[in-house]
C-alpha cells in the first residue's frame, strides 16, 4: 500500500485551513495535492482532533491484531479436524 506524503498532523492543519475559509483549489495548489485527496481526508478526518486520530489508529491496530489471531485459530481448528478425520 502506498504511503501518504502527508502525516495526520499535516492533514489536520490543511483541513483547519479549509474550515478557516481558504478555497479548496487554492489549498490543493499550495500543498501540491489533488482535490480528491482533500475530500477523502475530509470524509475520513472531518470533525476530529489529534487525540481522536490517535485513538482511531490504535483501534485499527488492535483490530488487525484480533483478525490475525482469529485467522490463526481457525487455521489450527481446521488442521486439527483434518488430522482427526484421517486418524480414524
PDB file of N, CA and C in Angstrom:
ATOM      1  N   UNK A   1       0.836  -1.173   0.000  1.00  0.00           N
ATOM      2  CA  UNK A   1       0.000   0.000   0.000  1.00  0.00           C
ATOM      3  C   UNK A   1       0.883   1.239   0.000  1.00  0.00           C
ATOM      4  N   UNK A   2       0.522   2.217  -0.804  1.00  0.00           N
ATOM      5  CA  UNK A   2       1.316   3.424  -0.922  1.00  0.00           C
ATOM      6  C   UNK A   2       1.190   4.283   0.332  1.00  0.00           C
ATOM      7  N   UNK A   3       2.319   4.782   0.806  1.00  0.00           N
ATOM      8  CA  UNK A   3       2.328   5.633   1.989  1.00  0.00           C
ATOM      9  C   UNK A   3       2.053   7.076   1.575  1.00  0.00           C
ATOM     10  N   UNK A   4       1.263   7.745   2.351  1.00  0.00           N
ATOM     11  CA  UNK A   4       0.904   9.129   2.076  1.00  0.00           C
ATOM     12  C   UNK A   4       2.092  10.053   2.315  1.00  0.00           C
ATOM     13  N   UNK A   5       2.164  11.112   1.529  1.00  0.00           N
ATOM     14  CA  UNK A   5       3.222  12.103   1.733  1.00  0.00           C
ATOM     15  C   UNK A   5       2.942  12.962   2.957  1.00  0.00           C
ATOM     16  N   UNK A   6       1.709  12.986   3.386  1.00  0.00           N
ATOM     17  CA  UNK A   6       1.303  13.832   4.495  1.00  0.00           C
ATOM     18  C   UNK A   6       0.989  12.973   5.715  1.00  0.00           C
ATOM     19  N   UNK A   7       1.435  13.426   6.891  1.00  0.00           N
ATOM     20  CA  UNK A   7       1.063  12.709   8.115  1.00  0.00           C
ATOM     21  C   UNK A   7      -0.240  13.302   8.659  1.00  0.00           C
ATOM     22  N   UNK A   8      -0.744  12.705   9.729  1.00  0.00           N
ATOM     23  CA  UNK A   8      -2.042  13.129  10.255  1.00  0.00           C
ATOM     24  C   UNK A   8      -2.034  14.584  10.733  1.00  0.00           C
ATOM     25  N   UNK A   9      -0.911  15.001  11.306  1.00  0.00           N
ATOM     26  CA  UNK A   9      -0.813  16.383  11.785  1.00  0.00           C
ATOM     27  C   UNK A   9      -0.931  17.366  10.619  1.00  0.00           C
ATOM     28  N   UNK A  10      -0.255  17.089   9.521  1.00  0.00           N
ATOM     29  CA  UNK A  10      -0.326  17.963   8.360  1.00  0.00           C
ATOM     30  C   UNK A  10      -1.729  17.959   7.758  1.00  0.00           C
ATOM     31  N   UNK A  11      -2.344  16.789   7.727  1.00  0.00           N
ATOM     32  CA  UNK A  11      -3.703  16.697   7.187  1.00  0.00           C
ATOM     33  C   UNK A  11      -4.665  17.537   8.033  1.00  0.00           C
ATOM     34  N   UNK A  12      -4.524  17.468   9.352  1.00  0.00           N
ATOM     35  CA  UNK A  12      -5.387  18.263  10.232  1.00  0.00           C
ATOM     36  C   UNK A  12      -5.181  19.758   9.991  1.00  0.00           C
ATOM     37  N   UNK A  13      -3.937  20.181   9.781  1.00  0.00           N
ATOM     38  CA  UNK A  13      -3.672  21.599   9.508  1.00  0.00           C
ATOM     39  C   UNK A  13      -4.339  22.032   8.201  1.00  0.00           C
ATOM     40  N   UNK A  14      -4.251  21.187   7.185  1.00  0.00           N
ATOM     41  CA  UNK A  14      -4.865  21.526   5.897  1.00  0.00           C
ATOM     42  C   UNK A  14      -6.384  21.620   6.047  1.00  0.00           C
ATOM     43  N   UNK A  15      -6.980  20.693   6.777  1.00  0.00           N
ATOM     44  CA  UNK A  15      -8.431  20.730   6.973  1.00  0.00           C
ATOM     45  C   UNK A  15      -8.855  21.963   7.774  1.00  0.00           C
ATOM     46  N   UNK A  16      -8.050  22.362   8.750  1.00  0.00           N
ATOM     47  CA  UNK A  16      -8.375  23.568   9.524  1.00  0.00           C
ATOM     48  C   UNK A  16      -8.264  24.821   8.665  1.00  0.00           C
ATOM     49  N   UNK A  17      -7.304  24.835   7.734  1.00  0.00           N
ATOM     50  CA  UNK A  17      -7.201  25.969   6.823  1.00  0.00           C
ATOM     51  C   UNK A  17      -8.455  26.067   5.957  1.00  0.00           C
ATOM     52  N   UNK A  18      -8.963  24.923   5.523  1.00  0.00           N
ATOM     53  CA  UNK A  18     -10.181  24.919   4.704  1.00  0.00           C
ATOM     54  C   UNK A  18     -11.370  25.411   5.513  1.00  0.00           C
ATOM     55  N   UNK A  19     -11.440  25.010   6.792  1.00  0.00           N
ATOM     56  CA  UNK A  19     -12.518  25.494   7.650  1.00  0.00           C
ATOM     57  C   UNK A  19     -12.400  26.991   7.887  1.00  0.00           C
ATOM     58  N   UNK A  20     -11.169  27.500   7.831  1.00  0.00           N
ATOM     59  CA  UNK A  20     -10.927  28.928   8.031  1.00  0.00           C
ATOM     60  C   UNK A  20     -11.366  29.790   6.861  1.00  0.00           C
ATOM     61  N   UNK A  21     -11.686  29.172   5.726  1.00  0.00           N
ATOM     62  CA  UNK A  21     -12.216  29.933   4.609  1.00  0.00           C
ATOM     63  C   UNK A  21     -11.354  29.928   3.362  1.00  0.00           C
ATOM     64  N   UNK A  22     -10.223  29.271   3.374  1.00  0.00           N
ATOM     65  CA  UNK A  22      -9.384  29.201   2.174  1.00  0.00           C
ATOM     66  C   UNK A  22     -10.039  28.229   1.191  1.00  0.00           C
ATOM     67  N   UNK A  23     -10.190  28.632  -0.071  1.00  0.00           N
ATOM     68  CA  UNK A  23     -10.833  27.750  -1.049  1.00  0.00           C
ATOM     69  C   UNK A  23     -10.032  26.465  -1.273  1.00  0.00           C
ATOM     70  N   UNK A  24     -10.741  25.387  -1.556  1.00  0.00           N
ATOM     71  CA  UNK A  24     -10.107  24.077  -1.730  1.00  0.00           C
ATOM     72  C   UNK A  24      -9.108  24.075  -2.884  1.00  0.00           C
ATOM     73  N   UNK A  25      -9.430  24.650  -4.057  1.00  0.00           N
ATOM     74  CA  UNK A  25      -8.427  24.638  -5.132  1.00  0.00           C
ATOM     75  C   UNK A  25      -7.131  25.360  -4.748  1.00  0.00           C
ATOM     76  N   UNK A  26      -7.260  26.422  -3.973  1.00  0.00           N
ATOM     77  CA  UNK A  26      -6.077  27.157  -3.515  1.00  0.00           C
ATOM     78  C   UNK A  26      -5.233  26.300  -2.571  1.00  0.00           C
ATOM     79  N   UNK A  27      -5.889  25.606  -1.653  1.00  0.00           N
ATOM     80  CA  UNK A  27      -5.173  24.714  -0.734  1.00  0.00           C
ATOM     81  C   UNK A  27      -4.454  23.607  -1.493  1.00  0.00           C
ATOM     82  N   UNK A  28      -5.147  23.039  -2.460  1.00  0.00           N
ATOM     83  CA  UNK A  28      -4.550  21.946  -3.235  1.00  0.00           C
ATOM     84  C   UNK A  28      -3.325  22.434  -3.998  1.00  0.00           C
ATOM     85  N   UNK A  29      -3.399  23.619  -4.530  1.00  0.00           N
ATOM     86  CA  UNK A  29      -2.264  24.191  -5.260  1.00  0.00           C
ATOM     87  C   UNK A  29      -1.105  24.490  -4.317  1.00  0.00           C
ATOM     88  N   UNK A  30      -1.384  25.018  -3.140  1.00  0.00           N
ATOM     89  CA  UNK A  30      -0.335  25.344  -2.170  1.00  0.00           C
ATOM     90  C   UNK A  30       0.410  24.102  -1.694  1.00  0.00           C
ATOM     91  N   UNK A  31      -0.318  23.045  -1.439  1.00  0.00           N
ATOM     92  CA  UNK A  31       0.282  21.856  -0.837  1.00  0.00           C
ATOM     93  C   UNK A  31       0.635  20.771  -1.849  1.00  0.00           C
ATOM     94  N   UNK A  32       0.310  20.991  -3.115  1.00  0.00           N
ATOM     95  CA  UNK A  32       0.663  20.029  -4.145  1.00  0.00           C
ATOM     96  C   UNK A  32      -0.077  18.716  -4.037  1.00  0.00           C
ATOM     97  N   UNK A  33      -1.372  18.800  -3.866  1.00  0.00           N
ATOM     98  CA  UNK A  33      -2.189  17.590  -3.740  1.00  0.00           C
ATOM     99  C   UNK A  33      -3.415  17.733  -4.620  1.00  0.00           C
ATOM    100  N   UNK A  34      -4.147  16.653  -4.787  1.00  0.00           N
ATOM    101  CA  UNK A  34      -5.351  16.702  -5.608  1.00  0.00           C
ATOM    102  C   UNK A  34      -6.557  17.044  -4.739  1.00  0.00           C
ATOM    103  N   UNK A  35      -7.587  17.532  -5.391  1.00  0.00           N
ATOM    104  CA  UNK A  35      -8.809  17.846  -4.645  1.00  0.00           C
ATOM    105  C   UNK A  35      -9.481  16.567  -4.159  1.00  0.00           C
ATOM    106  N   UNK A  36      -9.285  15.459  -4.891  1.00  0.00           N
ATOM    107  CA  UNK A  36      -9.846  14.175  -4.453  1.00  0.00           C
ATOM    108  C   UNK A  36      -9.246  13.764  -3.114  1.00  0.00           C
ATOM    109  N   UNK A  37      -7.937  13.987  -2.946  1.00  0.00           N
ATOM    110  CA  UNK A  37      -7.287  13.666  -1.670  1.00  0.00           C
ATOM    111  C   UNK A  37      -7.887  14.500  -0.550  1.00  0.00           C
ATOM    112  N   UNK A  38      -8.108  15.778  -0.820  1.00  0.00           N
ATOM    113  CA  UNK A  38      -8.680  16.650   0.201  1.00  0.00           C
ATOM    114  C   UNK A  38     -10.049  16.150   0.646  1.00  0.00           C
ATOM    115  N   UNK A  39     -10.909  15.833  -0.313  1.00  0.00           N
ATOM    116  CA  UNK A  39     -12.258  15.413   0.038  1.00  0.00           C
ATOM    117  C   UNK A  39     -12.257  14.047   0.729  1.00  0.00           C
ATOM    118  N   UNK A  40     -11.314  13.178   0.351  1.00  0.00           N
ATOM    119  CA  UNK A  40     -11.193  11.887   1.030  1.00  0.00           C
ATOM    120  C   UNK A  40     -10.763  12.098   2.479  1.00  0.00           C
ATOM    121  N   UNK A  41      -9.816  13.006   2.700  1.00  0.00           N
ATOM    122  CA  UNK A  41      -9.370  13.323   4.060  1.00  0.00           C
ATOM    123  C   UNK A  41     -10.498  13.923   4.869  1.00  0.00           C
ATOM    124  N   UNK A  42     -11.254  14.817   4.238  1.00  0.00           N
ATOM    125  CA  UNK A  42     -12.346  15.465   4.958  1.00  0.00           C
ATOM    126  C   UNK A  42     -13.406  14.447   5.373  1.00  0.00           C
ATOM    127  N   UNK A  43     -13.649  13.457   4.500  1.00  0.00           N
ATOM    128  CA  UNK A  43     -14.618  12.421   4.852  1.00  0.00           C
ATOM    129  C   UNK A  43     -14.095  11.546   5.985  1.00  0.00           C
ATOM    130  N   UNK A  44     -12.787  11.291   5.994  1.00  0.00           N
ATOM    131  CA  UNK A  44     -12.217  10.408   6.996  1.00  0.00           C
ATOM    132  C   UNK A  44     -11.934  11.121   8.314  1.00  0.00           C
ATOM    133  N   UNK A  45     -11.349  12.317   8.260  1.00  0.00           N
ATOM    134  CA  UNK A  45     -10.891  13.018   9.458  1.00  0.00           C
ATOM    135  C   UNK A  45     -11.741  14.221   9.839  1.00  0.00           C
ATOM    136  N   UNK A  46     -12.790  14.512   9.114  1.00  0.00           N
ATOM    137  CA  UNK A  46     -13.595  15.696   9.386  1.00  0.00           C
ATOM    138  C   UNK A  46     -14.192  15.684  10.778  1.00  0.00           C
ATOM    139  N   UNK A  47     -14.006  16.755  11.531  1.00  0.00           N
ATOM    140  CA  UNK A  47     -14.560  16.869  12.869  1.00  0.00           C
ATOM    141  C   UNK A  47     -13.727  16.204  13.946  1.00  0.00           C
ATOM    142  N   UNK A  48     -12.562  15.665  13.586  1.00  0.00           N
ATOM    143  CA  UNK A  48     -11.708  15.013  14.579  1.00  0.00           C
ATOM    144  C   UNK A  48     -10.608  15.968  15.040  1.00  0.00           C
ATOM    145  N   UNK A  49     -10.088  15.673  16.227  1.00  0.00           N
ATOM    146  CA  UNK A  49      -8.894  16.371  16.677  1.00  0.00           C
ATOM    147  C   UNK A  49      -7.765  15.340  16.802  1.00  0.00           C
ATOM    148  N   UNK A  50      -6.611  15.768  17.243  1.00  0.00           N
ATOM    149  CA  UNK A  50      -5.429  14.899  17.267  1.00  0.00           C
ATOM    150  C   UNK A  50      -5.615  13.679  18.165  1.00  0.00           C
ATOM    151  N   UNK A  51      -6.277  13.855  19.298  1.00  0.00           N
ATOM    152  CA  UNK A  51      -6.458  12.715  20.207  1.00  0.00           C
ATOM    153  C   UNK A  51      -7.389  11.664  19.607  1.00  0.00           C
ATOM    154  N   UNK A  52      -8.399  12.111  18.884  1.00  0.00           N
ATOM    155  CA  UNK A  52      -9.311  11.166  18.245  1.00  0.00           C
ATOM    156  C   UNK A  52      -8.601  10.380  17.149  1.00  0.00           C
ATOM    157  N   UNK A  53      -7.712  11.034  16.424  1.00  0.00           N
ATOM    158  CA  UNK A  53      -6.967  10.350  15.369  1.00  0.00           C
ATOM    159  C   UNK A  53      -6.053   9.303  15.981  1.00  0.00           C
ATOM    160  N   UNK A  54      -5.394   9.637  17.080  1.00  0.00           N
ATOM    161  CA  UNK A  54      -4.516   8.674  17.749  1.00  0.00           C
ATOM    162  C   UNK A  54      -5.325   7.479  18.248  1.00  0.00           C
ATOM    163  N   UNK A  55      -6.490   7.734  18.794  1.00  0.00           N
ATOM    164  CA  UNK A  55      -7.344   6.649  19.272  1.00  0.00           C
ATOM    165  C   UNK A  55      -7.811   5.773  18.113  1.00  0.00           C
ATOM    166  N   UNK A  56      -8.154   6.401  16.990  1.00  0.00           N
ATOM    167  CA  UNK A  56      -8.592   5.654  15.820  1.00  0.00           C
ATOM    168  C   UNK A  56      -7.465   4.751  15.309  1.00  0.00           C
ATOM    169  N   UNK A  57      -6.236   5.260  15.284  1.00  0.00           N
ATOM    170  CA  UNK A  57      -5.105   4.453  14.832  1.00  0.00           C
ATOM    171  C   UNK A  57      -4.869   3.268  15.763  1.00  0.00           C
ATOM    172  N   UNK A  58      -4.993   3.486  17.063  1.00  0.00           N
ATOM    173  CA  UNK A  58      -4.792   2.377  17.999  1.00  0.00           C
ATOM    174  C   UNK A  58      -5.888   1.324  17.844  1.00  0.00           C
ATOM    175  N   UNK A  59      -7.116   1.759  17.594  1.00  0.00           N
ATOM    176  CA  UNK A  59      -8.208   0.807  17.376  1.00  0.00           C
ATOM    177  C   UNK A  59      -8.007   0.008  16.088  1.00  0.00           C
ATOM    178  N   UNK A  60      -7.498   0.651  15.067  1.00  0.00           N
ATOM    179  CA  UNK A  60      -7.228  -0.041  13.805  1.00  0.00           C
ATOM    180  C   UNK A  60      -6.154  -1.101  14.006  1.00  0.00           C
ATOM    181  N   UNK A  61      -5.099  -0.754  14.751  1.00  0.00           N
ATOM    182  CA  UNK A  61      -4.034  -1.724  15.024  1.00  0.00           C
ATOM    183  C   UNK A  61      -4.550  -2.900  15.845  1.00  0.00           C
ATOM    184  N   UNK A  62      -5.378  -2.616  16.847  1.00  0.00           N
ATOM    185  CA  UNK A  62      -5.938  -3.689  17.662  1.00  0.00           C
ATOM    186  C   UNK A  62      -6.841  -4.585  16.825  1.00  0.00           C
ATOM    187  N   UNK A  63      -7.608  -3.993  15.931  1.00  0.00           N
ATOM    188  CA  UNK A  63      -8.490  -4.763  15.064  1.00  0.00           C
ATOM    189  C   UNK A  63      -7.675  -5.685  14.155  1.00  0.00           C
ATOM    190  N   UNK A  64      -6.557  -5.188  13.616  1.00  0.00           N
ATOM    191  CA  UNK A  64      -5.687  -6.034  12.795  1.00  0.00           C
ATOM    192  C   UNK A  64      -5.156  -7.213  13.595  1.00  0.00           C
ATOM    193  N   UNK A  65      -4.733  -6.944  14.818  1.00  0.00           N
ATOM    194  CA  UNK A  65      -4.184  -7.990  15.674  1.00  0.00           C
ATOM    195  C   UNK A  65      -5.245  -9.054  15.973  1.00  0.00           C
ATOM    196  N   UNK A  66      -6.461  -8.619  16.285  1.00  0.00           N
ATOM    197  CA  UNK A  66      -7.537  -9.568  16.592  1.00  0.00           C
ATOM    198  C   UNK A  66      -7.927 -10.395  15.369  1.00  0.00           C
ATOM    199  N   UNK A  67      -7.956  -9.780  14.191  1.00  0.00           N
ATOM    200  CA  UNK A  67      -8.274 -10.522  12.979  1.00  0.00           C
ATOM    201  C   UNK A  67      -7.209 -11.577  12.697  1.00  0.00           C
ATOM    202  N   UNK A  68      -5.949 -11.223  12.916  1.00  0.00           N
ATOM    203  CA  UNK A  68      -4.857 -12.165  12.713  1.00  0.00           C
ATOM    204  C   UNK A  68      -4.977 -13.341  13.686  1.00  0.00           C
ATOM    205  N   UNK A  69      -5.295 -13.031  14.962  1.00  0.00           N
ATOM    206  CA  UNK A  69      -5.463 -14.087  15.958  1.00  0.00           C
ATOM    207  C   UNK A  69      -6.617 -15.024  15.580  1.00  0.00           C
ATOM    208  N   UNK A  70      -7.715 -14.455  15.117  1.00  0.00           N
ATOM    209  CA  UNK A  70      -8.869 -15.255  14.722  1.00  0.00           C
ATOM    210  C   UNK A  70      -8.528 -16.163  13.543  1.00  0.00           C
ATOM    211  N   UNK A  71      -7.830 -15.625  12.557  1.00  0.00           N
ATOM    212  CA  UNK A  71      -7.462 -16.423  11.389  1.00  0.00           C
ATOM    213  C   UNK A  71      -6.543 -17.578  11.784  1.00  0.00           C
ATOM    214  N   UNK A  72      -5.603 -17.316  12.671  1.00  0.00           N
ATOM    215  CA  UNK A  72      -4.695 -18.373  13.120  1.00  0.00           C
ATOM    216  C   UNK A  72      -5.450 -19.462  13.879  1.00  0.00           C
ATOM    217  N   UNK A  73      -6.380 -19.074  14.734  1.00  0.00           N
ATOM    218  CA  UNK A  73      -7.136 -20.084  15.492  1.00  0.00           C
ATOM    219  C   UNK A  73      -8.028 -20.905  14.566  1.00  0.00           C
ATOM    220  N   UNK A  74      -8.613 -20.281  13.559  1.00  0.00           N
ATOM    221  CA  UNK A  74      -9.437 -21.023  12.606  1.00  0.00           C
ATOM    222  C   UNK A  74      -8.584 -21.993  11.796  1.00  0.00           C
ATOM    223  N   UNK A  75      -7.371 -21.579  11.448  1.00  0.00           N
ATOM    224  CA  UNK A  75      -6.477 -22.461  10.712  1.00  0.00           C
ATOM    225  C   UNK A  75      -6.087 -23.667  11.572  1.00  0.00           C
ATOM    226  N   UNK A  76      -5.776 -23.420  12.841  1.00  0.00           N
ATOM    227  CA  UNK A  76      -5.438 -24.516  13.750  1.00  0.00           C
ATOM    228  C   UNK A  76      -6.613 -25.478  13.904  1.00  0.00           C
ATOM    229  N   UNK A  77      -7.804 -24.942  14.019  1.00  0.00           N
ATOM    230  CA  UNK A  77      -9.011 -25.759  14.162  1.00  0.00           C
ATOM    231  C   UNK A  77      -9.200 -26.630  12.927  1.00  0.00           C
ATOM    232  N   UNK A  78      -9.013 -26.064  11.741  1.00  0.00           N
ATOM    233  CA  UNK A  78      -9.165 -26.829  10.500  1.00  0.00           C
ATOM    234  C   UNK A  78      -8.111 -27.923  10.410  1.00  0.00           C
ATOM    235  N   UNK A  79      -6.897 -27.637  10.816  1.00  0.00           N
ATOM    236  CA  UNK A  79      -5.823 -28.637  10.790  1.00  0.00           C
ATOM    237  C   UNK A  79      -6.135 -29.777  11.755  1.00  0.00           C
ATOM    238  N   UNK A  80      -6.615 -29.454  12.940  1.00  0.00           N
ATOM    239  CA  UNK A  80      -6.960 -30.482  13.927  1.00  0.00           C
ATOM    240  C   UNK A  80      -8.102 -31.351  13.415  1.00  0.00           C
ATOM    241  N   UNK A  81      -9.126 -30.749  12.826  1.00  0.00           N
ATOM    242  CA  UNK A  81     -10.245 -31.518  12.283  1.00  0.00           C
ATOM    243  C   UNK A  81      -9.780 -32.450  11.176  1.00  0.00           C
ATOM    244  N   UNK A  82      -8.908 -31.955  10.317  1.00  0.00           N
ATOM    245  CA  UNK A  82      -8.392 -32.768   9.232  1.00  0.00           C
ATOM    246  C   UNK A  82      -7.573 -33.937   9.768  1.00  0.00           C
ATOM    247  N   UNK A  83      -6.758 -33.668  10.779  1.00  0.00           N
ATOM    248  CA  UNK A  83      -5.947 -34.726  11.373  1.00  0.00           C
ATOM    249  C   UNK A  83      -6.818 -35.777  12.056  1.00  0.00           C
ATOM    250  N   UNK A  84      -7.882 -35.345  12.690  1.00  0.00           N
ATOM    251  CA  UNK A  84      -8.763 -36.288  13.396  1.00  0.00           C
ATOM    252  C   UNK A  84      -9.501 -37.198  12.408  1.00  0.00           C
ATOM    253  N   UNK A  85      -9.915 -36.675  11.279  1.00  0.00           N
ATOM    254  CA  UNK A  85     -10.638 -37.497  10.303  1.00  0.00           C
ATOM    255  C   UNK A  85      -9.698 -38.510   9.651  1.00  0.00           C
ATOM    256  N   UNK A  86      -8.462 -38.168   9.447  1.00  0.00           N
ATOM    257  CA  UNK A  86      -7.506 -39.088   8.845  1.00  0.00           C
ATOM    258  C   UNK A  86      -7.116 -40.188   9.824  1.00  0.00           C
ATOM    259  N   UNK A  87      -7.118 -39.880  11.110  1.00  0.00           N
ATOM    260  CA  UNK A  87      -6.682 -40.824  12.121  1.00  0.00           C
ATOM    261  C   UNK A  87      -7.636 -42.004  12.226  1.00  0.00           C
ATOM    262  N   UNK A  88      -8.914 -41.748  12.110  1.00  0.00           N
ATOM    263  CA  UNK A  88      -9.890 -42.813  12.302  1.00  0.00           C
ATOM    264  C   UNK A  88     -10.072 -43.513  10.985  1.00  0.00           C
TER     265      UNK A  88
END
